[in-house]
């Protein structure tokens, strides 16, 4: 006895199909909101001079880089992510990427009130 293919097919049903399509489109839309983009830029100090060795990282991840001798950096970051910029002697800054691919930041010195540095040495001296 032969079975017909038509009798073995199942109909998914409208409610089940609707749930599937809704879940499918939600997954696709979540992927488009968090797309990674290449972000590049320049980090300068208060006086406008480029800063080298500044740490630039993506908040909440292990992605990061540092600036070159000209104060330039390039990093792969989510389009809705936040960059954390830090350097010794400067105040840390958090900059939202906001879909921008070119970001330039001027860091503020943490030692603005410090005008003089006093060095004190301790030791012994012998008189001849």
PDB file of N, CA and C in Angstrom:
ATOM      1  N   UNK A   1       0.829  -1.176   0.000  1.00  0.00           N
ATOM      2  CA  UNK A   1       0.000   0.000   0.000  1.00  0.00           C
ATOM      3  C   UNK A   1       0.874   1.241   0.000  1.00  0.00           C
ATOM      4  N   UNK A   2       0.673   2.145  -0.928  1.00  0.00           N
ATOM      5  CA  UNK A   2       1.461   3.357  -1.054  1.00  0.00           C
ATOM      6  C   UNK A   2       0.825   4.476  -0.257  1.00  0.00           C
ATOM      7  N   UNK A   3       1.676   5.251   0.346  1.00  0.00           N
ATOM      8  CA  UNK A   3       1.181   6.439   1.049  1.00  0.00           C
ATOM      9  C   UNK A   3       1.407   7.647   0.174  1.00  0.00           C
ATOM     10  N   UNK A   4       0.495   8.500   0.228  1.00  0.00           N
ATOM     11  CA  UNK A   4       0.626   9.720  -0.546  1.00  0.00           C
ATOM     12  C   UNK A   4       1.396  10.745   0.271  1.00  0.00           C
ATOM     13  N   UNK A   5       2.207  11.527  -0.417  1.00  0.00           N
ATOM     14  CA  UNK A   5       2.980  12.567   0.257  1.00  0.00           C
ATOM     15  C   UNK A   5       2.081  13.624   0.887  1.00  0.00           C
ATOM     16  N   UNK A   6       0.980  13.857   0.299  1.00  0.00           N
ATOM     17  CA  UNK A   6       0.075  14.888   0.794  1.00  0.00           C
ATOM     18  C   UNK A   6      -0.479  14.537   2.175  1.00  0.00           C
ATOM     19  N   UNK A   7      -0.648  13.295   2.457  1.00  0.00           N
ATOM     20  CA  UNK A   7      -1.215  12.922   3.747  1.00  0.00           C
ATOM     21  C   UNK A   7      -0.185  13.022   4.871  1.00  0.00           C
ATOM     22  N   UNK A   8       1.131  12.984   4.536  1.00  0.00           N
ATOM     23  CA  UNK A   8       2.159  13.043   5.562  1.00  0.00           C
ATOM     24  C   UNK A   8       2.629  14.468   5.842  1.00  0.00           C
ATOM     25  N   UNK A   9       2.294  15.407   5.014  1.00  0.00           N
ATOM     26  CA  UNK A   9       2.704  16.791   5.245  1.00  0.00           C
ATOM     27  C   UNK A   9       1.899  17.375   6.384  1.00  0.00           C
ATOM     28  N   UNK A  10       2.568  18.194   7.140  1.00  0.00           N
ATOM     29  CA  UNK A  10       1.879  18.867   8.242  1.00  0.00           C
ATOM     30  C   UNK A  10       1.768  20.348   7.935  1.00  0.00           C
ATOM     31  N   UNK A  11       0.735  20.895   8.398  1.00  0.00           N
ATOM     32  CA  UNK A  11       0.538  22.327   8.244  1.00  0.00           C
ATOM     33  C   UNK A  11       1.060  22.999   9.513  1.00  0.00           C
ATOM     34  N   UNK A  12       1.913  23.974   9.356  1.00  0.00           N
ATOM     35  CA  UNK A  12       2.512  24.644  10.517  1.00  0.00           C
ATOM     36  C   UNK A  12       1.448  25.369  11.332  1.00  0.00           C
ATOM     37  N   UNK A  13       0.551  25.997  10.703  1.00  0.00           N
ATOM     38  CA  UNK A  13      -0.485  26.736  11.407  1.00  0.00           C
ATOM     39  C   UNK A  13      -0.112  28.206  11.521  1.00  0.00           C
ATOM     40  N   UNK A  14      -1.072  29.046  11.452  1.00  0.00           N
ATOM     41  CA  UNK A  14      -0.848  30.490  11.453  1.00  0.00           C
ATOM     42  C   UNK A  14      -0.240  31.009  12.755  1.00  0.00           C
ATOM     43  N   UNK A  15      -0.731  30.644  13.939  1.00  0.00           N
ATOM     44  CA  UNK A  15      -0.128  31.171  15.178  1.00  0.00           C
ATOM     45  C   UNK A  15       1.337  30.760  15.345  1.00  0.00           C
ATOM     46  N   UNK A  16       1.650  29.544  14.992  1.00  0.00           N
ATOM     47  CA  UNK A  16       3.019  29.065  15.119  1.00  0.00           C
ATOM     48  C   UNK A  16       3.937  29.772  14.115  1.00  0.00           C
ATOM     49  N   UNK A  17       3.467  29.983  12.914  1.00  0.00           N
ATOM     50  CA  UNK A  17       4.233  30.688  11.890  1.00  0.00           C
ATOM     51  C   UNK A  17       4.472  32.136  12.301  1.00  0.00           C
ATOM     52  N   UNK A  18       3.480  32.758  12.886  1.00  0.00           N
ATOM     53  CA  UNK A  18       3.616  34.147  13.338  1.00  0.00           C
ATOM     54  C   UNK A  18       4.680  34.257  14.424  1.00  0.00           C
ATOM     55  N   UNK A  19       4.684  33.343  15.371  1.00  0.00           N
ATOM     56  CA  UNK A  19       5.696  33.363  16.439  1.00  0.00           C
ATOM     57  C   UNK A  19       7.091  33.171  15.863  1.00  0.00           C
ATOM     58  N   UNK A  20       7.218  32.250  14.930  1.00  0.00           N
ATOM     59  CA  UNK A  20       8.510  31.988  14.315  1.00  0.00           C
ATOM     60  C   UNK A  20       9.029  33.215  13.575  1.00  0.00           C
ATOM     61  N   UNK A  21       8.183  33.835  12.766  1.00  0.00           N
ATOM     62  CA  UNK A  21       8.604  35.015  12.015  1.00  0.00           C
ATOM     63  C   UNK A  21       8.946  36.183  12.939  1.00  0.00           C
ATOM     64  N   UNK A  22       8.205  36.356  14.022  1.00  0.00           N
ATOM     65  CA  UNK A  22       8.492  37.417  14.978  1.00  0.00           C
ATOM     66  C   UNK A  22       9.858  37.201  15.617  1.00  0.00           C
ATOM     67  N   UNK A  23      10.130  35.976  16.046  1.00  0.00           N
ATOM     68  CA  UNK A  23      11.423  35.666  16.653  1.00  0.00           C
ATOM     69  C   UNK A  23      12.556  35.855  15.653  1.00  0.00           C
ATOM     70  N   UNK A  24      12.342  35.460  14.425  1.00  0.00           N
ATOM     71  CA  UNK A  24      13.346  35.597  13.378  1.00  0.00           C
ATOM     72  C   UNK A  24      13.696  37.061  13.138  1.00  0.00           C
ATOM     73  N   UNK A  25      12.707  37.915  13.001  1.00  0.00           N
ATOM     74  CA  UNK A  25      12.967  39.331  12.744  1.00  0.00           C
ATOM     75  C   UNK A  25      13.577  40.032  13.958  1.00  0.00           C
ATOM     76  N   UNK A  26      13.233  39.604  15.164  1.00  0.00           N
ATOM     77  CA  UNK A  26      13.864  40.168  16.360  1.00  0.00           C
ATOM     78  C   UNK A  26      15.348  39.837  16.408  1.00  0.00           C
ATOM     79  N   UNK A  27      15.702  38.606  16.081  1.00  0.00           N
ATOM     80  CA  UNK A  27      17.106  38.221  16.071  1.00  0.00           C
ATOM     81  C   UNK A  27      17.892  39.002  15.027  1.00  0.00           C
ATOM     82  N   UNK A  28      17.311  39.208  13.876  1.00  0.00           N
ATOM     83  CA  UNK A  28      17.979  39.980  12.831  1.00  0.00           C
ATOM     84  C   UNK A  28      18.150  41.432  13.268  1.00  0.00           C
ATOM     85  N   UNK A  29      17.149  42.014  13.894  1.00  0.00           N
ATOM     86  CA  UNK A  29      17.240  43.411  14.295  1.00  0.00           C
ATOM     87  C   UNK A  29      18.265  43.609  15.409  1.00  0.00           C
ATOM     88  N   UNK A  30      18.421  42.644  16.339  1.00  0.00           N
ATOM     89  CA  UNK A  30      19.433  42.768  17.380  1.00  0.00           C
ATOM     90  C   UNK A  30      20.824  42.758  16.773  1.00  0.00           C
ATOM     91  N   UNK A  31      21.021  41.993  15.740  1.00  0.00           N
ATOM     92  CA  UNK A  31      22.322  41.944  15.077  1.00  0.00           C
ATOM     93  C   UNK A  31      22.687  43.243  14.393  1.00  0.00           C
ATOM     94  N   UNK A  32      21.707  43.976  13.891  1.00  0.00           N
ATOM     95  CA  UNK A  32      22.005  45.217  13.198  1.00  0.00           C
ATOM     96  C   UNK A  32      22.297  46.355  14.153  1.00  0.00           C
ATOM     97  N   UNK A  33      21.795  46.316  15.381  1.00  0.00           N
ATOM     98  CA  UNK A  33      22.034  47.394  16.330  1.00  0.00           C
ATOM     99  C   UNK A  33      23.452  47.358  16.890  1.00  0.00           C
ATOM    100  N   UNK A  34      24.072  46.207  16.971  1.00  0.00           N
ATOM    101  CA  UNK A  34      25.379  46.091  17.597  1.00  0.00           C
ATOM    102  C   UNK A  34      26.474  45.770  16.582  1.00  0.00           C
ATOM    103  N   UNK A  35      26.418  46.390  15.416  1.00  0.00           N
ATOM    104  CA  UNK A  35      27.426  46.127  14.402  1.00  0.00           C
ATOM    105  C   UNK A  35      28.737  46.784  14.794  1.00  0.00           C
ATOM    106  N   UNK A  36      29.829  46.082  14.546  1.00  0.00           N
ATOM    107  CA  UNK A  36      31.146  46.631  14.821  1.00  0.00           C
ATOM    108  C   UNK A  36      31.582  47.521  13.670  1.00  0.00           C
ATOM    109  N   UNK A  37      32.182  48.656  14.023  1.00  0.00           N
ATOM    110  CA  UNK A  37      32.718  49.572  13.032  1.00  0.00           C
ATOM    111  C   UNK A  37      34.161  49.893  13.400  1.00  0.00           C
ATOM    112  N   UNK A  38      34.942  50.331  12.433  1.00  0.00           N
ATOM    113  CA  UNK A  38      36.314  50.735  12.687  1.00  0.00           C
ATOM    114  C   UNK A  38      36.313  52.198  13.097  1.00  0.00           C
ATOM    115  N   UNK A  39      36.800  52.438  14.314  1.00  0.00           N
ATOM    116  CA  UNK A  39      36.859  53.802  14.847  1.00  0.00           C
ATOM    117  C   UNK A  39      38.321  54.224  14.881  1.00  0.00           C
ATOM    118  N   UNK A  40      38.599  55.401  14.350  1.00  0.00           N
ATOM    119  CA  UNK A  40      39.959  55.935  14.403  1.00  0.00           C
ATOM    120  C   UNK A  40      39.881  57.377  14.862  1.00  0.00           C
ATOM    121  N   UNK A  41      41.014  57.895  15.320  1.00  0.00           N
ATOM    122  CA  UNK A  41      41.012  59.267  15.790  1.00  0.00           C
ATOM    123  C   UNK A  41      42.359  59.692  16.320  1.00  0.00           C
ATOM    124  N   UNK A  42      42.374  60.881  16.921  1.00  0.00           N
ATOM    125  CA  UNK A  42      43.587  61.463  17.460  1.00  0.00           C
ATOM    126  C   UNK A  42      43.320  61.913  18.888  1.00  0.00           C
ATOM    127  N   UNK A  43      44.289  61.652  19.772  1.00  0.00           N
ATOM    128  CA  UNK A  43      44.207  62.077  21.161  1.00  0.00           C
ATOM    129  C   UNK A  43      45.260  63.163  21.373  1.00  0.00           C
ATOM    130  N   UNK A  44      44.829  64.307  21.872  1.00  0.00           N
ATOM    131  CA  UNK A  44      45.750  65.409  22.150  1.00  0.00           C
ATOM    132  C   UNK A  44      45.646  65.816  23.611  1.00  0.00           C
ATOM    133  N   UNK A  45      46.640  66.576  24.073  1.00  0.00           N
ATOM    134  CA  UNK A  45      46.636  67.089  25.428  1.00  0.00           C
ATOM    135  C   UNK A  45      45.986  68.456  25.488  1.00  0.00           C
ATOM    136  N   UNK A  46      46.092  69.125  26.652  1.00  0.00           N
ATOM    137  CA  UNK A  46      45.486  70.451  26.844  1.00  0.00           C
ATOM    138  C   UNK A  46      46.010  71.468  25.833  1.00  0.00           C
ATOM    139  N   UNK A  47      47.297  71.358  25.525  1.00  0.00           N
ATOM    140  CA  UNK A  47      47.938  72.342  24.647  1.00  0.00           C
ATOM    141  C   UNK A  47      47.766  72.022  23.169  1.00  0.00           C
ATOM    142  N   UNK A  48      47.140  70.894  22.849  1.00  0.00           N
ATOM    143  CA  UNK A  48      46.923  70.521  21.458  1.00  0.00           C
ATOM    144  C   UNK A  48      48.005  69.628  20.887  1.00  0.00           C
ATOM    145  N   UNK A  49      48.988  69.267  21.693  1.00  0.00           N
ATOM    146  CA  UNK A  49      50.044  68.373  21.212  1.00  0.00           C
ATOM    147  C   UNK A  49      49.553  66.932  21.247  1.00  0.00           C
ATOM    148  N   UNK A  50      49.864  66.138  20.227  1.00  0.00           N
ATOM    149  CA  UNK A  50      49.439  64.729  20.196  1.00  0.00           C
ATOM    150  C   UNK A  50      50.093  63.949  21.334  1.00  0.00           C
ATOM    151  N   UNK A  51      49.338  63.041  21.938  1.00  0.00           N
ATOM    152  CA  UNK A  51      49.836  62.228  23.048  1.00  0.00           C
ATOM    153  C   UNK A  51      50.058  60.796  22.576  1.00  0.00           C
ATOM    154  N   UNK A  52      51.235  60.267  22.845  1.00  0.00           N
ATOM    155  CA  UNK A  52      51.509  58.872  22.483  1.00  0.00           C
ATOM    156  C   UNK A  52      51.361  57.987  23.712  1.00  0.00           C
ATOM    157  N   UNK A  53      51.017  56.729  23.490  1.00  0.00           N
ATOM    158  CA  UNK A  53      50.890  55.763  24.576  1.00  0.00           C
ATOM    159  C   UNK A  53      49.620  55.880  25.395  1.00  0.00           C
ATOM    160  N   UNK A  54      48.623  56.589  24.889  1.00  0.00           N
ATOM    161  CA  UNK A  54      47.336  56.718  25.583  1.00  0.00           C
ATOM    162  C   UNK A  54      46.537  55.439  25.359  1.00  0.00           C
ATOM    163  N   UNK A  55      45.941  54.914  26.413  1.00  0.00           N
ATOM    164  CA  UNK A  55      45.146  53.688  26.330  1.00  0.00           C
ATOM    165  C   UNK A  55      43.731  54.016  25.863  1.00  0.00           C
ATOM    166  N   UNK A  56      43.284  53.333  24.804  1.00  0.00           N
ATOM    167  CA  UNK A  56      41.919  53.482  24.282  1.00  0.00           C
ATOM    168  C   UNK A  56      41.301  52.097  24.270  1.00  0.00           C
ATOM    169  N   UNK A  57      40.200  51.901  25.020  1.00  0.00           N
ATOM    170  CA  UNK A  57      39.559  50.595  25.090  1.00  0.00           C
ATOM    171  C   UNK A  57      38.047  50.726  24.979  1.00  0.00           C
ATOM    172  N   UNK A  58      37.405  49.624  24.643  1.00  0.00           N
ATOM    173  CA  UNK A  58      35.951  49.573  24.540  1.00  0.00           C
ATOM    174  C   UNK A  58      35.417  49.145  25.904  1.00  0.00           C
ATOM    175  N   UNK A  59      34.545  49.950  26.483  1.00  0.00           N
ATOM    176  CA  UNK A  59      34.012  49.692  27.819  1.00  0.00           C
ATOM    177  C   UNK A  59      33.259  48.358  27.838  1.00  0.00           C
ATOM    178  N   UNK A  60      33.563  47.536  28.858  1.00  0.00           N
ATOM    179  CA  UNK A  60      32.880  46.264  29.027  1.00  0.00           C
ATOM    180  C   UNK A  60      33.442  45.130  28.197  1.00  0.00           C
ATOM    181  N   UNK A  61      34.535  45.370  27.462  1.00  0.00           N
ATOM    182  CA  UNK A  61      35.158  44.318  26.655  1.00  0.00           C
ATOM    183  C   UNK A  61      36.652  44.282  26.942  1.00  0.00           C
ATOM    184  N   UNK A  62      37.337  43.360  26.280  1.00  0.00           N
ATOM    185  CA  UNK A  62      38.791  43.291  26.399  1.00  0.00           C
ATOM    186  C   UNK A  62      39.478  43.921  25.198  1.00  0.00           C
ATOM    187  N   UNK A  63      38.728  44.572  24.338  1.00  0.00           N
ATOM    188  CA  UNK A  63      39.302  45.220  23.157  1.00  0.00           C
ATOM    189  C   UNK A  63      39.970  46.529  23.558  1.00  0.00           C
ATOM    190  N   UNK A  64      41.154  46.743  23.029  1.00  0.00           N
ATOM    191  CA  UNK A  64      41.832  47.984  23.335  1.00  0.00           C
ATOM    192  C   UNK A  64      43.069  48.168  22.490  1.00  0.00           C
ATOM    193  N   UNK A  65      43.596  49.391  22.505  1.00  0.00           N
ATOM    194  CA  UNK A  65      44.805  49.737  21.773  1.00  0.00           C
ATOM    195  C   UNK A  65      45.433  50.940  22.449  1.00  0.00           C
ATOM    196  N   UNK A  66      46.557  51.391  21.924  1.00  0.00           N
ATOM    197  CA  UNK A  66      47.169  52.613  22.428  1.00  0.00           C
ATOM    198  C   UNK A  66      47.558  53.489  21.243  1.00  0.00           C
ATOM    199  N   UNK A  67      47.716  54.771  21.507  1.00  0.00           N
ATOM    200  CA  UNK A  67      48.015  55.711  20.437  1.00  0.00           C
ATOM    201  C   UNK A  67      49.479  55.612  20.020  1.00  0.00           C
ATOM    202  N   UNK A  68      49.748  55.953  18.764  1.00  0.00           N
ATOM    203  CA  UNK A  68      51.120  55.933  18.255  1.00  0.00           C
ATOM    204  C   UNK A  68      51.813  57.261  18.576  1.00  0.00           C
ATOM    205  N   UNK A  69      52.979  57.510  17.995  1.00  0.00           N
ATOM    206  CA  UNK A  69      53.749  58.731  18.270  1.00  0.00           C
ATOM    207  C   UNK A  69      53.033  60.004  17.846  1.00  0.00           C
ATOM    208  N   UNK A  70      52.100  59.882  16.921  1.00  0.00           N
ATOM    209  CA  UNK A  70      51.346  61.043  16.437  1.00  0.00           C
ATOM    210  C   UNK A  70      50.005  61.192  17.143  1.00  0.00           C
ATOM    211  N   UNK A  71      49.751  60.351  18.164  1.00  0.00           N
ATOM    212  CA  UNK A  71      48.511  60.420  18.919  1.00  0.00           C
ATOM    213  C   UNK A  71      47.328  59.775  18.223  1.00  0.00           C
ATOM    214  N   UNK A  72      47.575  58.977  17.188  1.00  0.00           N
ATOM    215  CA  UNK A  72      46.495  58.358  16.405  1.00  0.00           C
ATOM    216  C   UNK A  72      46.245  56.923  16.865  1.00  0.00           C
ATOM    217  N   UNK A  73      44.988  56.493  16.737  1.00  0.00           N
ATOM    218  CA  UNK A  73      44.601  55.131  17.090  1.00  0.00           C
ATOM    219  C   UNK A  73      43.562  54.622  16.115  1.00  0.00           C
ATOM    220  N   UNK A  74      43.437  53.307  16.036  1.00  0.00           N
ATOM    221  CA  UNK A  74      42.401  52.627  15.247  1.00  0.00           C
ATOM    222  C   UNK A  74      41.936  51.430  16.060  1.00  0.00           C
ATOM    223  N   UNK A  75      40.609  51.257  16.132  1.00  0.00           N
ATOM    224  CA  UNK A  75      40.036  50.222  16.991  1.00  0.00           C
ATOM    225  C   UNK A  75      38.701  49.771  16.420  1.00  0.00           C
ATOM    226  N   UNK A  76      38.398  48.482  16.546  1.00  0.00           N
ATOM    227  CA  UNK A  76      37.102  47.930  16.148  1.00  0.00           C
ATOM    228  C   UNK A  76      36.177  47.996  17.352  1.00  0.00           C
ATOM    229  N   UNK A  77      35.040  48.688  17.220  1.00  0.00           N
ATOM    230  CA  UNK A  77      34.133  48.894  18.352  1.00  0.00           C
ATOM    231  C   UNK A  77      32.685  48.795  17.890  1.00  0.00           C
ATOM    232  N   UNK A  78      31.760  48.444  18.802  1.00  0.00           N
ATOM    233  CA  UNK A  78      30.334  48.448  18.449  1.00  0.00           C
ATOM    234  C   UNK A  78      29.873  49.877  18.143  1.00  0.00           C
ATOM    235  N   UNK A  79      28.960  50.000  17.203  1.00  0.00           N
ATOM    236  CA  UNK A  79      28.494  51.339  16.822  1.00  0.00           C
ATOM    237  C   UNK A  79      27.784  52.056  17.962  1.00  0.00           C
ATOM    238  N   UNK A  80      27.275  51.304  18.947  1.00  0.00           N
ATOM    239  CA  UNK A  80      26.615  51.923  20.092  1.00  0.00           C
ATOM    240  C   UNK A  80      27.455  51.800  21.362  1.00  0.00           C
ATOM    241  N   UNK A  81      28.759  51.512  21.211  1.00  0.00           N
ATOM    242  CA  UNK A  81      29.652  51.295  22.349  1.00  0.00           C
ATOM    243  C   UNK A  81      30.192  52.595  22.933  1.00  0.00           C
ATOM    244  N   UNK A  82      31.027  52.435  23.962  1.00  0.00           N
ATOM    245  CA  UNK A  82      31.656  53.566  24.640  1.00  0.00           C
ATOM    246  C   UNK A  82      33.158  53.318  24.710  1.00  0.00           C
ATOM    247  N   UNK A  83      33.954  54.336  24.343  1.00  0.00           N
ATOM    248  CA  UNK A  83      35.399  54.243  24.436  1.00  0.00           C
ATOM    249  C   UNK A  83      35.857  54.831  25.760  1.00  0.00           C
ATOM    250  N   UNK A  84      36.780  54.144  26.424  1.00  0.00           N
ATOM    251  CA  UNK A  84      37.384  54.639  27.657  1.00  0.00           C
ATOM    252  C   UNK A  84      38.812  55.045  27.309  1.00  0.00           C
ATOM    253  N   UNK A  85      39.127  56.321  27.547  1.00  0.00           N
ATOM    254  CA  UNK A  85      40.434  56.859  27.195  1.00  0.00           C
ATOM    255  C   UNK A  85      41.147  57.253  28.479  1.00  0.00           C
ATOM    256  N   UNK A  86      42.356  56.696  28.677  1.00  0.00           N
ATOM    257  CA  UNK A  86      43.079  56.980  29.919  1.00  0.00           C
ATOM    258  C   UNK A  86      44.575  57.082  29.663  1.00  0.00           C
ATOM    259  N   UNK A  87      45.202  57.944  30.451  1.00  0.00           N
ATOM    260  CA  UNK A  87      46.641  58.134  30.382  1.00  0.00           C
ATOM    261  C   UNK A  87      47.126  58.682  31.719  1.00  0.00           C
ATOM    262  N   UNK A  88      48.348  58.352  32.068  1.00  0.00           N
ATOM    263  CA  UNK A  88      48.919  58.832  33.322  1.00  0.00           C
ATOM    264  C   UNK A  88      49.053  60.354  33.261  1.00  0.00           C
ATOM    265  N   UNK A  89      48.566  61.025  34.301  1.00  0.00           N
ATOM    266  CA  UNK A  89      48.656  62.478  34.363  1.00  0.00           C
ATOM    267  C   UNK A  89      47.467  63.202  33.753  1.00  0.00           C
ATOM    268  N   UNK A  90      46.508  62.443  33.213  1.00  0.00           N
ATOM    269  CA  UNK A  90      45.326  63.041  32.596  1.00  0.00           C
ATOM    270  C   UNK A  90      44.066  62.411  33.181  1.00  0.00           C
ATOM    271  N   UNK A  91      42.971  63.150  33.149  1.00  0.00           N
ATOM    272  CA  UNK A  91      41.685  62.662  33.634  1.00  0.00           C
ATOM    273  C   UNK A  91      41.106  61.683  32.611  1.00  0.00           C
ATOM    274  N   UNK A  92      40.631  60.524  33.083  1.00  0.00           N
ATOM    275  CA  UNK A  92      40.003  59.536  32.191  1.00  0.00           C
ATOM    276  C   UNK A  92      38.735  60.108  31.578  1.00  0.00           C
ATOM    277  N   UNK A  93      38.470  59.719  30.325  1.00  0.00           N
ATOM    278  CA  UNK A  93      37.252  60.171  29.648  1.00  0.00           C
ATOM    279  C   UNK A  93      36.543  58.977  29.027  1.00  0.00           C
ATOM    280  N   UNK A  94      35.216  59.045  29.011  1.00  0.00           N
ATOM    281  CA  UNK A  94      34.389  58.052  28.321  1.00  0.00           C
ATOM    282  C   UNK A  94      33.654  58.764  27.194  1.00  0.00           C
ATOM    283  N   UNK A  95      33.832  58.260  25.984  1.00  0.00           N
ATOM    284  CA  UNK A  95      33.247  58.866  24.791  1.00  0.00           C
ATOM    285  C   UNK A  95      32.335  57.844  24.128  1.00  0.00           C
ATOM    286  N   UNK A  96      31.082  58.208  23.869  1.00  0.00           N
ATOM    287  CA  UNK A  96      30.150  57.325  23.155  1.00  0.00           C
ATOM    288  C   UNK A  96      30.485  57.350  21.668  1.00  0.00           C
ATOM    289  N   UNK A  97      30.532  56.161  21.073  1.00  0.00           N
ATOM    290  CA  UNK A  97      30.862  56.053  19.653  1.00  0.00           C
ATOM    291  C   UNK A  97      29.731  56.648  18.817  1.00  0.00           C
ATOM    292  N   UNK A  98      28.506  56.250  19.085  1.00  0.00           N
ATOM    293  CA  UNK A  98      27.355  56.813  18.383  1.00  0.00           C
ATOM    294  C   UNK A  98      27.411  56.665  16.877  1.00  0.00           C
ATOM    295  N   UNK A  99      28.036  55.600  16.381  1.00  0.00           N
ATOM    296  CA  UNK A  99      28.093  55.361  14.940  1.00  0.00           C
ATOM    297  C   UNK A  99      29.158  56.169  14.216  1.00  0.00           C
ATOM    298  N   UNK A 100      29.917  57.016  14.949  1.00  0.00           N
ATOM    299  CA  UNK A 100      30.962  57.827  14.311  1.00  0.00           C
ATOM    300  C   UNK A 100      32.202  56.984  14.078  1.00  0.00           C
ATOM    301  N   UNK A 101      32.862  57.182  12.949  1.00  0.00           N
ATOM    302  CA  UNK A 101      34.076  56.426  12.661  1.00  0.00           C
ATOM    303  C   UNK A 101      35.340  57.241  12.909  1.00  0.00           C
ATOM    304  N   UNK A 102      35.211  58.550  13.139  1.00  0.00           N
ATOM    305  CA  UNK A 102      36.359  59.404  13.411  1.00  0.00           C
ATOM    306  C   UNK A 102      36.095  60.188  14.698  1.00  0.00           C
ATOM    307  N   UNK A 103      36.943  59.965  15.705  1.00  0.00           N
ATOM    308  CA  UNK A 103      36.755  60.616  17.001  1.00  0.00           C
ATOM    309  C   UNK A 103      38.069  61.254  17.424  1.00  0.00           C
ATOM    310  N   UNK A 104      38.037  62.538  17.726  1.00  0.00           N
ATOM    311  CA  UNK A 104      39.204  63.241  18.234  1.00  0.00           C
ATOM    312  C   UNK A 104      38.896  63.752  19.630  1.00  0.00           C
ATOM    313  N   UNK A 105      39.834  63.534  20.562  1.00  0.00           N
ATOM    314  CA  UNK A 105      39.610  63.865  21.967  1.00  0.00           C
ATOM    315  C   UNK A 105      40.788  64.671  22.487  1.00  0.00           C
ATOM    316  N   UNK A 106      40.491  65.676  23.290  1.00  0.00           N
ATOM    317  CA  UNK A 106      41.516  66.451  23.976  1.00  0.00           C
ATOM    318  C   UNK A 106      41.423  66.123  25.460  1.00  0.00           C
ATOM    319  N   UNK A 107      42.484  65.517  26.010  1.00  0.00           N
ATOM    320  CA  UNK A 107      42.493  65.132  27.414  1.00  0.00           C
ATOM    321  C   UNK A 107      42.845  66.326  28.297  1.00  0.00           C
ATOM    322  N   UNK A 108      42.248  66.356  29.483  1.00  0.00           N
ATOM    323  CA  UNK A 108      42.481  67.422  30.451  1.00  0.00           C
ATOM    324  C   UNK A 108      43.499  66.921  31.468  1.00  0.00           C
ATOM    325  N   UNK A 109      44.509  67.734  31.730  1.00  0.00           N
ATOM    326  CA  UNK A 109      45.547  67.356  32.680  1.00  0.00           C
ATOM    327  C   UNK A 109      44.967  67.226  34.079  1.00  0.00           C
ATOM    328  N   UNK A 110      45.355  66.170  34.788  1.00  0.00           N
ATOM    329  CA  UNK A 110      44.885  65.961  36.153  1.00  0.00           C
ATOM    330  C   UNK A 110      45.680  66.810  37.138  1.00  0.00           C
ATOM    331  N   UNK A 111      46.807  67.358  36.710  1.00  0.00           N
ATOM    332  CA  UNK A 111      47.688  68.130  37.573  1.00  0.00           C
ATOM    333  C   UNK A 111      47.639  69.626  37.261  1.00  0.00           C
ATOM    334  N   UNK A 112      46.479  70.156  37.016  1.00  0.00           N
ATOM    335  CA  UNK A 112      46.360  71.564  36.648  1.00  0.00           C
ATOM    336  C   UNK A 112      46.878  72.493  37.732  1.00  0.00           C
ATOM    337  N   UNK A 113      46.611  72.185  39.002  1.00  0.00           N
ATOM    338  CA  UNK A 113      47.017  73.066  40.088  1.00  0.00           C
ATOM    339  C   UNK A 113      48.496  72.909  40.424  1.00  0.00           C
ATOM    340  N   UNK A 114      49.115  71.848  39.978  1.00  0.00           N
ATOM    341  CA  UNK A 114      50.507  71.583  40.304  1.00  0.00           C
ATOM    342  C   UNK A 114      51.409  72.437  39.421  1.00  0.00           C
ATOM    343  N   UNK A 115      52.082  73.408  40.029  1.00  0.00           N
ATOM    344  CA  UNK A 115      52.959  74.284  39.264  1.00  0.00           C
ATOM    345  C   UNK A 115      54.424  73.971  39.503  1.00  0.00           C
ATOM    346  N   UNK A 116      54.740  73.482  40.684  1.00  0.00           N
ATOM    347  CA  UNK A 116      56.127  73.183  41.001  1.00  0.00           C
ATOM    348  C   UNK A 116      56.233  71.784  41.578  1.00  0.00           C
ATOM    349  N   UNK A 117      57.383  71.183  41.337  1.00  0.00           N
ATOM    350  CA  UNK A 117      57.674  69.885  41.921  1.00  0.00           C
ATOM    351  C   UNK A 117      58.914  70.056  42.782  1.00  0.00           C
ATOM    352  N   UNK A 118      58.825  69.656  44.035  1.00  0.00           N
ATOM    353  CA  UNK A 118      59.943  69.755  44.951  1.00  0.00           C
ATOM    354  C   UNK A 118      60.516  68.359  45.148  1.00  0.00           C
ATOM    355  N   UNK A 119      61.804  68.210  44.909  1.00  0.00           N
ATOM    356  CA  UNK A 119      62.470  66.932  45.080  1.00  0.00           C
ATOM    357  C   UNK A 119      63.323  67.012  46.336  1.00  0.00           C
ATOM    358  N   UNK A 120      63.122  66.066  47.224  1.00  0.00           N
ATOM    359  CA  UNK A 120      63.877  66.014  48.462  1.00  0.00           C
ATOM    360  C   UNK A 120      64.708  64.745  48.439  1.00  0.00           C
ATOM    361  N   UNK A 121      65.992  64.889  48.701  1.00  0.00           N
ATOM    362  CA  UNK A 121      66.866  63.727  48.707  1.00  0.00           C
ATOM    363  C   UNK A 121      67.402  63.469  50.111  1.00  0.00           C
ATOM    364  N   UNK A 122      67.470  62.217  50.456  1.00  0.00           N
ATOM    365  CA  UNK A 122      68.032  61.816  51.740  1.00  0.00           C
ATOM    366  C   UNK A 122      69.279  60.993  51.468  1.00  0.00           C
ATOM    367  N   UNK A 123      70.277  61.238  52.243  1.00  0.00           N
ATOM    368  CA  UNK A 123      71.501  60.470  52.076  1.00  0.00           C
ATOM    369  C   UNK A 123      72.549  60.910  53.078  1.00  0.00           C
ATOM    370  N   UNK A 124      73.718  60.400  52.896  1.00  0.00           N
ATOM    371  CA  UNK A 124      74.808  60.772  53.783  1.00  0.00           C
ATOM    372  C   UNK A 124      75.918  61.422  52.991  1.00  0.00           C
ATOM    373  N   UNK A 125      76.602  62.270  53.635  1.00  0.00           N
ATOM    374  CA  UNK A 125      77.753  62.929  53.014  1.00  0.00           C
ATOM    375  C   UNK A 125      78.898  62.890  54.006  1.00  0.00           C
ATOM    376  N   UNK A 126      80.067  62.658  53.522  1.00  0.00           N
ATOM    377  CA  UNK A 126      81.224  62.662  54.410  1.00  0.00           C
ATOM    378  C   UNK A 126      82.121  63.841  54.089  1.00  0.00           C
ATOM    379  N   UNK A 127      82.660  64.437  55.114  1.00  0.00           N
ATOM    380  CA  UNK A 127      83.497  65.607  54.961  1.00  0.00           C
ATOM    381  C   UNK A 127      84.949  65.172  55.030  1.00  0.00           C
ATOM    382  N   UNK A 128      85.806  65.612  54.110  1.00  0.00           N
ATOM    383  CA  UNK A 128      87.210  65.249  54.134  1.00  0.00           C
ATOM    384  C   UNK A 128      88.050  66.365  54.653  1.00  0.00           C
TER     385      UNK A 128
END
